[in-house]
C-alpha atoms as a PDB file:
ATOM      1  CA  MET A   1      13.995 -15.182  15.729  1.00  0.00           C
ATOM      2  CA  LYS A   2      16.573 -17.495  14.175  1.00  0.00           C
ATOM      3  CA  ASN A   3      17.950 -15.694  11.172  1.00  0.00           C
ATOM      4  CA  ASN A   4      19.111 -18.947   9.587  1.00  0.00           C
ATOM      5  CA  PHE A   5      15.695 -20.635   9.603  1.00  0.00           C
ATOM      6  CA  LYS A   6      14.641 -20.999   5.957  1.00  0.00           C
ATOM      7  CA  VAL A   7      11.187 -21.680   4.558  1.00  0.00           C
ATOM      8  CA  ALA A   8      10.548 -22.460   0.908  1.00  0.00           C
ATOM      9  CA  CYS A   9       7.067 -22.756  -0.581  1.00  0.00           C
ATOM     10  CA  LEU A  10       5.459 -24.175  -3.685  1.00  0.00           C
ATOM     11  CA  THR A  11       2.031 -22.776  -4.491  1.00  0.00           C
ATOM     12  CA  GLY A  12      -0.340 -24.064  -7.134  1.00  0.00           C
ATOM     13  CA  ALA A  13      -3.687 -23.324  -8.709  1.00  0.00           C
ATOM     14  CA  GLY A  14      -5.611 -24.026  -5.515  1.00  0.00           C
ATOM     15  CA  ILE A  15      -4.451 -20.901  -3.697  1.00  0.00           C
ATOM     16  CA  SER A  16      -5.497 -18.654  -6.594  1.00  0.00           C
ATOM     17  CA  ALA A  17      -8.777 -20.498  -7.112  1.00  0.00           C
ATOM     18  CA  GLU A  18      -9.769 -19.152  -3.686  1.00  0.00           C
ATOM     19  CA  SER A  19      -9.535 -15.670  -5.212  1.00  0.00           C
ATOM     20  CA  GLY A  20     -11.727 -16.678  -8.153  1.00  0.00           C
ATOM     21  CA  ILE A  21      -8.983 -17.310 -10.721  1.00  0.00           C
ATOM     22  CA  ALA A  22     -10.210 -19.860 -13.246  1.00  0.00           C
ATOM     23  CA  THR A  23      -7.975 -22.931 -13.554  1.00  0.00           C
ATOM     24  CA  PHE A  24      -7.429 -25.085 -16.615  1.00  0.00           C
ATOM     25  CA  ARG A  25      -8.861 -28.000 -14.668  1.00  0.00           C
ATOM     26  CA  GLY A  26     -11.905 -25.898 -13.754  1.00  0.00           C
ATOM     27  CA  MET A  27     -12.377 -25.032 -17.404  1.00  0.00           C
ATOM     28  CA  GLY A  28     -12.691 -28.716 -18.188  1.00  0.00           C
ATOM     29  CA  GLY A  29      -9.944 -28.390 -20.771  1.00  0.00           C
ATOM     30  CA  MET A  30     -11.978 -25.935 -22.836  1.00  0.00           C
ATOM     31  CA  TRP A  31     -12.292 -22.171 -23.304  1.00  0.00           C
ATOM     32  CA  GLU A  32     -15.270 -20.898 -25.277  1.00  0.00           C
ATOM     33  CA  ASN A  33     -15.422 -24.148 -27.245  1.00  0.00           C
ATOM     34  CA  HIS A  34     -11.685 -24.132 -27.934  1.00  0.00           C
ATOM     35  CA  SER A  35      -9.415 -26.781 -26.457  1.00  0.00           C
ATOM     36  CA  ILE A  36      -6.628 -25.697 -24.121  1.00  0.00           C
ATOM     37  CA  GLU A  37      -4.186 -27.071 -26.720  1.00  0.00           C
ATOM     38  CA  GLU A  38      -5.446 -24.433 -29.144  1.00  0.00           C
ATOM     39  CA  VAL A  39      -4.808 -21.510 -26.793  1.00  0.00           C
ATOM     40  CA  ALA A  40      -1.936 -22.563 -24.516  1.00  0.00           C
ATOM     41  CA  THR A  41       0.654 -24.315 -26.678  1.00  0.00           C
ATOM     42  CA  PRO A  42       3.358 -23.143 -29.114  1.00  0.00           C
ATOM     43  CA  TYR A  43       1.476 -24.971 -31.859  1.00  0.00           C
ATOM     44  CA  GLY A  44      -1.730 -23.103 -31.064  1.00  0.00           C
ATOM     45  CA  TYR A  45       0.081 -19.764 -31.135  1.00  0.00           C
ATOM     46  CA  LYS A  46       1.726 -20.512 -34.468  1.00  0.00           C
ATOM     47  CA  LYS A  47      -1.606 -21.604 -35.940  1.00  0.00           C
ATOM     48  CA  ASN A  48      -3.786 -18.789 -34.596  1.00  0.00           C
ATOM     49  CA  PRO A  49      -2.000 -16.063 -32.591  1.00  0.00           C
ATOM     50  CA  LEU A  50      -5.133 -13.907 -32.508  1.00  0.00           C
ATOM     51  CA  LEU A  51      -7.144 -16.623 -30.764  1.00  0.00           C
ATOM     52  CA  VAL A  52      -4.333 -17.189 -28.248  1.00  0.00           C
ATOM     53  CA  TRP A  53      -4.143 -13.476 -27.480  1.00  0.00           C
ATOM     54  CA  GLN A  54      -7.904 -13.240 -27.072  1.00  0.00           C
ATOM     55  CA  PHE A  55      -7.652 -16.016 -24.500  1.00  0.00           C
ATOM     56  CA  TYR A  56      -4.808 -14.342 -22.594  1.00  0.00           C
ATOM     57  CA  GLU A  57      -6.387 -10.911 -22.659  1.00  0.00           C
ATOM     58  CA  ALA A  58      -9.500 -12.542 -21.154  1.00  0.00           C
ATOM     59  CA  ARG A  59      -7.312 -14.150 -18.473  1.00  0.00           C
ATOM     60  CA  ARG A  60      -5.618 -10.825 -17.727  1.00  0.00           C
ATOM     61  CA  ARG A  61      -8.951  -9.027 -17.433  1.00  0.00           C
ATOM     62  CA  GLN A  62     -10.283 -11.727 -15.134  1.00  0.00           C
ATOM     63  CA  ALA A  63      -7.160 -11.633 -12.976  1.00  0.00           C
ATOM     64  CA  LEU A  64      -7.579  -7.891 -12.432  1.00  0.00           C
ATOM     65  CA  THR A  65     -11.048  -8.480 -10.982  1.00  0.00           C
ATOM     66  CA  CYS A  66      -9.594 -10.850  -8.363  1.00  0.00           C
ATOM     67  CA  LYS A  67      -7.884  -9.897  -5.134  1.00  0.00           C
ATOM     68  CA  PRO A  68      -5.266 -11.678  -3.055  1.00  0.00           C
ATOM     69  CA  ASN A  69      -6.889 -13.893  -0.433  1.00  0.00           C
ATOM     70  CA  LYS A  70      -5.852 -14.806   3.112  1.00  0.00           C
ATOM     71  CA  GLY A  71      -3.478 -17.458   1.788  1.00  0.00           C
ATOM     72  CA  HIS A  72      -1.526 -14.941  -0.293  1.00  0.00           C
ATOM     73  CA  LEU A  73      -1.597 -12.375   2.495  1.00  0.00           C
ATOM     74  CA  GLY A  74      -0.485 -14.945   5.058  1.00  0.00           C
ATOM     75  CA  LEU A  75       2.618 -15.892   3.099  1.00  0.00           C
ATOM     76  CA  ALA A  76       3.500 -12.214   2.725  1.00  0.00           C
ATOM     77  CA  ARG A  77       3.085 -11.829   6.492  1.00  0.00           C
ATOM     78  CA  LEU A  78       5.349 -14.836   7.090  1.00  0.00           C
ATOM     79  CA  GLN A  79       8.005 -13.083   5.013  1.00  0.00           C
ATOM     80  CA  ASN A  80       7.606  -9.975   7.151  1.00  0.00           C
ATOM     81  CA  ILE A  81       8.045 -12.023  10.330  1.00  0.00           C
ATOM     82  CA  LEU A  82      11.005 -14.186   9.296  1.00  0.00           C
ATOM     83  CA  GLY A  83      12.552 -11.825   6.746  1.00  0.00           C
ATOM     84  CA  GLU A  84      11.889 -11.943   3.025  1.00  0.00           C
ATOM     85  CA  GLU A  85      15.347 -13.452   2.433  1.00  0.00           C
ATOM     86  CA  ASN A  86      14.313 -16.419   4.593  1.00  0.00           C
ATOM     87  CA  VAL A  87      10.973 -17.197   2.913  1.00  0.00           C
ATOM     88  CA  THR A  88      10.943 -18.004  -0.796  1.00  0.00           C
ATOM     89  CA  ILE A  89       7.735 -18.538  -2.750  1.00  0.00           C
ATOM     90  CA  ALA A  90       7.970 -20.620  -5.920  1.00  0.00           C
ATOM     91  CA  THR A  91       4.625 -20.492  -7.678  1.00  0.00           C
ATOM     92  CA  GLN A  92       3.070 -22.325 -10.584  1.00  0.00           C
ATOM     93  CA  ASN A  93       0.564 -19.482 -10.911  1.00  0.00           C
ATOM     94  CA  VAL A  94       0.881 -16.669 -13.448  1.00  0.00           C
ATOM     95  CA  ASP A  95      -1.588 -14.177 -11.974  1.00  0.00           C
ATOM     96  CA  GLY A  96       0.724 -12.032  -9.832  1.00  0.00           C
ATOM     97  CA  LEU A  97      -1.474 -12.299  -6.739  1.00  0.00           C
ATOM     98  CA  HIS A  98       1.462 -13.092  -4.451  1.00  0.00           C
ATOM     99  CA  GLN A  99       3.115  -9.821  -5.423  1.00  0.00           C
ATOM    100  CA  ARG A 100      -0.146  -7.896  -5.090  1.00  0.00           C
ATOM    101  CA  ALA A 101      -0.407  -9.299  -1.560  1.00  0.00           C
ATOM    102  CA  GLY A 102       2.969  -7.730  -0.792  1.00  0.00           C
ATOM    103  CA  ALA A 103       5.158 -10.819  -1.119  1.00  0.00           C
ATOM    104  CA  LYS A 104       8.747 -10.505  -2.263  1.00  0.00           C
ATOM    105  CA  ASN A 105      11.159 -13.191  -3.371  1.00  0.00           C
ATOM    106  CA  VAL A 106       8.533 -14.774  -5.674  1.00  0.00           C
ATOM    107  CA  LEU A 107       9.817 -17.219  -8.286  1.00  0.00           C
ATOM    108  CA  GLU A 108       7.302 -17.506 -11.124  1.00  0.00           C
ATOM    109  CA  LEU A 109       8.012 -20.986 -12.465  1.00  0.00           C
ATOM    110  CA  HIS A 110       5.441 -20.760 -15.244  1.00  0.00           C
ATOM    111  CA  GLY A 111       5.907 -17.110 -16.141  1.00  0.00           C
ATOM    112  CA  SER A 112       3.481 -14.228 -15.740  1.00  0.00           C
ATOM    113  CA  LEU A 113       0.355 -12.888 -17.389  1.00  0.00           C
ATOM    114  CA  TRP A 114       1.889  -9.451 -16.977  1.00  0.00           C
ATOM    115  CA  ARG A 115       4.990 -10.051 -19.066  1.00  0.00           C
ATOM    116  CA  VAL A 116       5.345 -10.286 -22.842  1.00  0.00           C
ATOM    117  CA  ARG A 117       8.180 -11.507 -25.049  1.00  0.00           C
ATOM    118  CA  CYS A 118       9.004 -10.739 -28.671  1.00  0.00           C
ATOM    119  CA  ILE A 119       9.379 -13.831 -30.831  1.00  0.00           C
ATOM    120  CA  LYS A 120      11.826 -11.935 -33.084  1.00  0.00           C
ATOM    121  CA  CYS A 121      14.241 -10.020 -30.835  1.00  0.00           C
ATOM    122  CA  GLU A 122      13.325 -12.019 -27.677  1.00  0.00           C
ATOM    123  CA  LYS A 123      13.132  -8.865 -25.559  1.00  0.00           C
ATOM    124  CA  GLU A 124      10.903  -9.382 -22.529  1.00  0.00           C
ATOM    125  CA  SER A 125       9.018  -6.629 -20.745  1.00  0.00           C
ATOM    126  CA  GLU A 126       6.272  -6.063 -18.222  1.00  0.00           C
ATOM    127  CA  SER A 127       2.899  -4.816 -19.395  1.00  0.00           C
ATOM    128  CA  PHE A 128      -0.162  -4.125 -17.267  1.00  0.00           C
ATOM    129  CA  GLU A 129      -2.004  -2.437 -20.127  1.00  0.00           C
ATOM    130  CA  PHE A 130      -4.444  -4.055 -22.494  1.00  0.00           C
ATOM    131  CA  PHE A 131      -3.440  -3.938 -26.112  1.00  0.00           C
ATOM    132  CA  ASP A 132      -5.340  -1.852 -28.670  1.00  0.00           C
ATOM    133  CA  GLU A 133      -4.530  -4.298 -31.424  1.00  0.00           C
ATOM    134  CA  LEU A 134      -4.186  -8.073 -31.303  1.00  0.00           C
ATOM    135  CA  PRO A 135      -1.837  -9.764 -31.752  1.00  0.00           C
ATOM    136  CA  PRO A 136       0.400  -6.990 -30.391  1.00  0.00           C
ATOM    137  CA  LYS A 137       3.734  -6.041 -31.966  1.00  0.00           C
ATOM    138  CA  CYS A 138       7.149  -5.218 -30.538  1.00  0.00           C
ATOM    139  CA  ASN A 139       8.973  -2.007 -31.453  1.00  0.00           C
ATOM    140  CA  CYS A 140      11.220  -4.127 -33.657  1.00  0.00           C
ATOM    141  CA  GLY A 141       8.192  -5.247 -35.668  1.00  0.00           C
ATOM    142  CA  GLY A 142       8.133  -8.771 -34.294  1.00  0.00           C
ATOM    143  CA  MET A 143       5.014 -10.301 -32.776  1.00  0.00           C
ATOM    144  CA  LEU A 144       4.669 -10.405 -29.011  1.00  0.00           C
ATOM    145  CA  ARG A 145       3.611 -13.487 -27.095  1.00  0.00           C
ATOM    146  CA  PRO A 146       2.601 -13.924 -23.455  1.00  0.00           C
ATOM    147  CA  ALA A 147       5.702 -14.663 -21.381  1.00  0.00           C
ATOM    148  CA  VAL A 148       4.178 -17.762 -19.851  1.00  0.00           C
ATOM    149  CA  VAL A 149       5.245 -21.384 -20.051  1.00  0.00           C
ATOM    150  CA  TRP A 150       2.928 -23.195 -22.407  1.00  0.00           C
ATOM    151  CA  PHE A 151       2.290 -26.918 -22.481  1.00  0.00           C
ATOM    152  CA  GLY A 152       5.302 -28.543 -24.105  1.00  0.00           C
ATOM    153  CA  GLU A 153       7.745 -25.781 -23.148  1.00  0.00           C
ATOM    154  CA  GLU A 154      10.542 -25.881 -20.587  1.00  0.00           C
ATOM    155  CA  LEU A 155      10.518 -23.791 -17.433  1.00  0.00           C
ATOM    156  CA  PRO A 156      12.850 -20.760 -17.341  1.00  0.00           C
ATOM    157  CA  GLN A 157      16.125 -22.367 -16.356  1.00  0.00           C
ATOM    158  CA  ALA A 158      17.509 -19.644 -14.076  1.00  0.00           C
ATOM    159  CA  ILE A 159      14.260 -19.345 -12.106  1.00  0.00           C
ATOM    160  CA  PHE A 160      13.857 -23.084 -11.688  1.00  0.00           C
ATOM    161  CA  GLN A 161      17.493 -23.403 -10.621  1.00  0.00           C
ATOM    162  CA  GLU A 162      16.972 -20.781  -7.932  1.00  0.00           C
ATOM    163  CA  ALA A 163      13.845 -22.596  -6.726  1.00  0.00           C
ATOM    164  CA  TYR A 164      15.859 -25.832  -6.680  1.00  0.00           C
ATOM    165  CA  ASN A 165      18.632 -24.195  -4.659  1.00  0.00           C
ATOM    166  CA  LYS A 166      16.113 -22.859  -2.135  1.00  0.00           C
ATOM    167  CA  ALA A 167      14.567 -26.328  -1.823  1.00  0.00           C
ATOM    168  CA  GLU A 168      18.030 -27.777  -1.139  1.00  0.00           C
ATOM    169  CA  SER A 169      18.820 -25.291   1.621  1.00  0.00           C
ATOM    170  CA  CYS A 170      15.504 -24.807   3.450  1.00  0.00           C
ATOM    171  CA  ASN A 171      14.529 -26.175   6.844  1.00  0.00           C
ATOM    172  CA  LEU A 172      10.834 -26.382   5.992  1.00  0.00           C
ATOM    173  CA  TYR A 173       9.088 -26.821   2.651  1.00  0.00           C
ATOM    174  CA  LEU A 174       5.429 -25.786   2.345  1.00  0.00           C
ATOM    175  CA  VAL A 175       3.311 -27.277  -0.442  1.00  0.00           C
ATOM    176  CA  ILE A 176       0.151 -25.219  -0.875  1.00  0.00           C
ATOM    177  CA  GLY A 177      -2.786 -25.760  -3.209  1.00  0.00           C
ATOM    178  CA  THR A 178      -1.079 -27.980  -5.757  1.00  0.00           C
ATOM    179  CA  SER A 179      -1.922 -31.463  -6.975  1.00  0.00           C
ATOM    180  CA  GLY A 180       1.774 -32.309  -7.049  1.00  0.00           C
ATOM    181  CA  VAL A 181       1.579 -33.915 -10.473  1.00  0.00           C
ATOM    182  CA  VAL A 182       2.933 -31.136 -12.710  1.00  0.00           C
ATOM    183  CA  GLU A 183       6.646 -31.598 -13.271  1.00  0.00           C
ATOM    184  CA  PRO A 184       9.262 -30.405 -12.783  1.00  0.00           C
ATOM    185  CA  ALA A 185       7.696 -28.072 -10.197  1.00  0.00           C
ATOM    186  CA  ALA A 186       6.456 -30.985  -8.089  1.00  0.00           C
ATOM    187  CA  SER A 187       9.996 -32.345  -7.844  1.00  0.00           C
ATOM    188  CA  LEU A 188      11.021 -29.410  -5.630  1.00  0.00           C
ATOM    189  CA  ALA A 189       9.281 -30.888  -2.579  1.00  0.00           C
ATOM    190  CA  ARG A 190      11.120 -34.176  -3.135  1.00  0.00           C
ATOM    191  CA  VAL A 191      14.407 -32.273  -3.408  1.00  0.00           C
ATOM    192  CA  ALA A 192      13.708 -30.550  -0.085  1.00  0.00           C
ATOM    193  CA  ALA A 193      12.863 -33.856   1.594  1.00  0.00           C
ATOM    194  CA  ASN A 194      15.983 -35.503   0.194  1.00  0.00           C
ATOM    195  CA  TYR A 195      18.088 -32.738   1.736  1.00  0.00           C
ATOM    196  CA  GLY A 196      16.492 -33.181   5.138  1.00  0.00           C
ATOM    197  CA  ALA A 197      13.783 -30.525   5.213  1.00  0.00           C
ATOM    198  CA  ALA A 198      10.427 -31.119   6.819  1.00  0.00           C
ATOM    199  CA  VAL A 199       7.579 -30.989   4.278  1.00  0.00           C
ATOM    200  CA  TRP A 200       4.155 -29.645   5.230  1.00  0.00           C
ATOM    201  CA  GLU A 201       1.078 -29.461   3.038  1.00  0.00           C
ATOM    202  CA  ILE A 202      -2.038 -27.319   2.853  1.00  0.00           C
ATOM    203  CA  ASN A 203      -4.623 -28.849   0.552  1.00  0.00           C
ATOM    204  CA  PRO A 204      -8.294 -29.786   0.980  1.00  0.00           C
ATOM    205  CA  GLU A 205      -7.514 -33.162  -0.605  1.00  0.00           C
ATOM    206  CA  GLN A 206      -4.577 -35.521  -0.637  1.00  0.00           C
ATOM    207  CA  SER A 207      -2.046 -34.796  -3.352  1.00  0.00           C
ATOM    208  CA  ALA A 208       0.707 -36.734  -5.085  1.00  0.00           C
ATOM    209  CA  LEU A 209       3.098 -35.201  -2.517  1.00  0.00           C
ATOM    210  CA  THR A 210       1.147 -36.097   0.627  1.00  0.00           C
ATOM    211  CA  TYR A 211       3.332 -39.140   1.274  1.00  0.00           C
ATOM    212  CA  LEU A 212       6.298 -36.788   1.858  1.00  0.00           C
ATOM    213  CA  CYS A 213       4.536 -34.624   4.408  1.00  0.00           C
ATOM    214  CA  GLN A 214       4.996 -34.739   8.152  1.00  0.00           C
ATOM    215  CA  LYS A 215       1.978 -32.466   8.591  1.00  0.00           C
ATOM    216  CA  SER A 216      -1.058 -31.888   6.386  1.00  0.00           C
ATOM    217  CA  TRP A 217      -3.891 -29.392   6.748  1.00  0.00           C
ATOM    218  CA  ARG A 218      -7.006 -30.566   4.900  1.00  0.00           C
ATOM    219  CA  LYS A 219      -8.229 -27.021   4.394  1.00  0.00           C
ATOM    220  CA  LYS A 220      -8.033 -24.239   1.858  1.00  0.00           C
ATOM    221  CA  ALA A 221      -4.935 -22.065   2.173  1.00  0.00           C
ATOM    222  CA  GLY A 222      -6.924 -19.073   3.382  1.00  0.00           C
ATOM    223  CA  ASP A 223      -8.483 -21.128   6.175  1.00  0.00           C
ATOM    224  CA  ALA A 224      -5.239 -22.767   7.308  1.00  0.00           C
ATOM    225  CA  ILE A 225      -2.459 -20.242   6.811  1.00  0.00           C
ATOM    226  CA  GLU A 226      -2.656 -18.485  10.191  1.00  0.00           C
ATOM    227  CA  GLU A 227      -2.621 -21.811  12.017  1.00  0.00           C
ATOM    228  CA  VAL A 228       0.364 -22.894   9.928  1.00  0.00           C
ATOM    229  CA  ILE A 229       2.231 -19.654  10.665  1.00  0.00           C
ATOM    230  CA  GLU A 230       1.686 -20.108  14.387  1.00  0.00           C
ATOM    231  CA  GLU A 231       2.941 -23.689  14.114  1.00  0.00           C
ATOM    232  CA  ILE A 232       6.053 -22.511  12.267  1.00  0.00           C
ATOM    233  CA  LEU A 233       6.804 -19.885  14.893  1.00  0.00           C
ATOM    234  CA  SER A 234       6.340 -22.374  17.698  1.00  0.00           C
ATOM    235  CA  VAL A 235       8.643 -25.031  16.270  1.00  0.00           C
ATOM    236  CA  GLN A 236      11.310 -23.147  14.300  1.00  0.00           C
ATOM    237  CA  ASN A 237      13.848 -23.348  17.106  1.00  0.00           C
ATOM    238  CA  LYS A 238      13.653 -27.154  16.940  1.00  0.00           C
ATOM    239  CA  PHE A 239      14.961 -27.299  13.376  1.00  0.00           C
END
């Protein structure tokens, strides 16, 4: 294998939907008669932190009932084949399914359901437990919030910069299960293309990034990933 062959990936809601993770689009913009703006924005949290935490505890409970699918497992296998340092996964998903599938080198652009941050001392920590009392409190007495990127917030700068750097330096960029309309995550595929990488897509439908792609698989990630891996292994020496 060529040790200098680099693959970078961007995964979106589609890959997790195959595992049964509910998407905002699938919710129709509503959760139990509350708008997404009420439960996934800084304004909503300031107005009603209890409601926001009820929403995120429901998301966490649902995520635990879901398992990684063939798409997640396939990307982890690709890392095992090429080396985890050569395959980077930038994901817009917050469910942790890539890690549960065994993937390393995962850049969580929109944060994680399994991390919390104190709004007072700003300490961030991982938590896989459900809280006895909502909204939960930090040891310093401040209120905790989910460490996810809400609508209207910026992506974590260091993580996005690393994803940008990987897009700049990869030979192949895989776009999987994303509409390609959410910025700035969608810009990563354009960065890769601008720096000379091939761009491939797995998506049942055309996306806003299809025009960049030399190859497209009109399938779900779980149905296409093994074929894509075989294609990568057959052509990597040509890059």
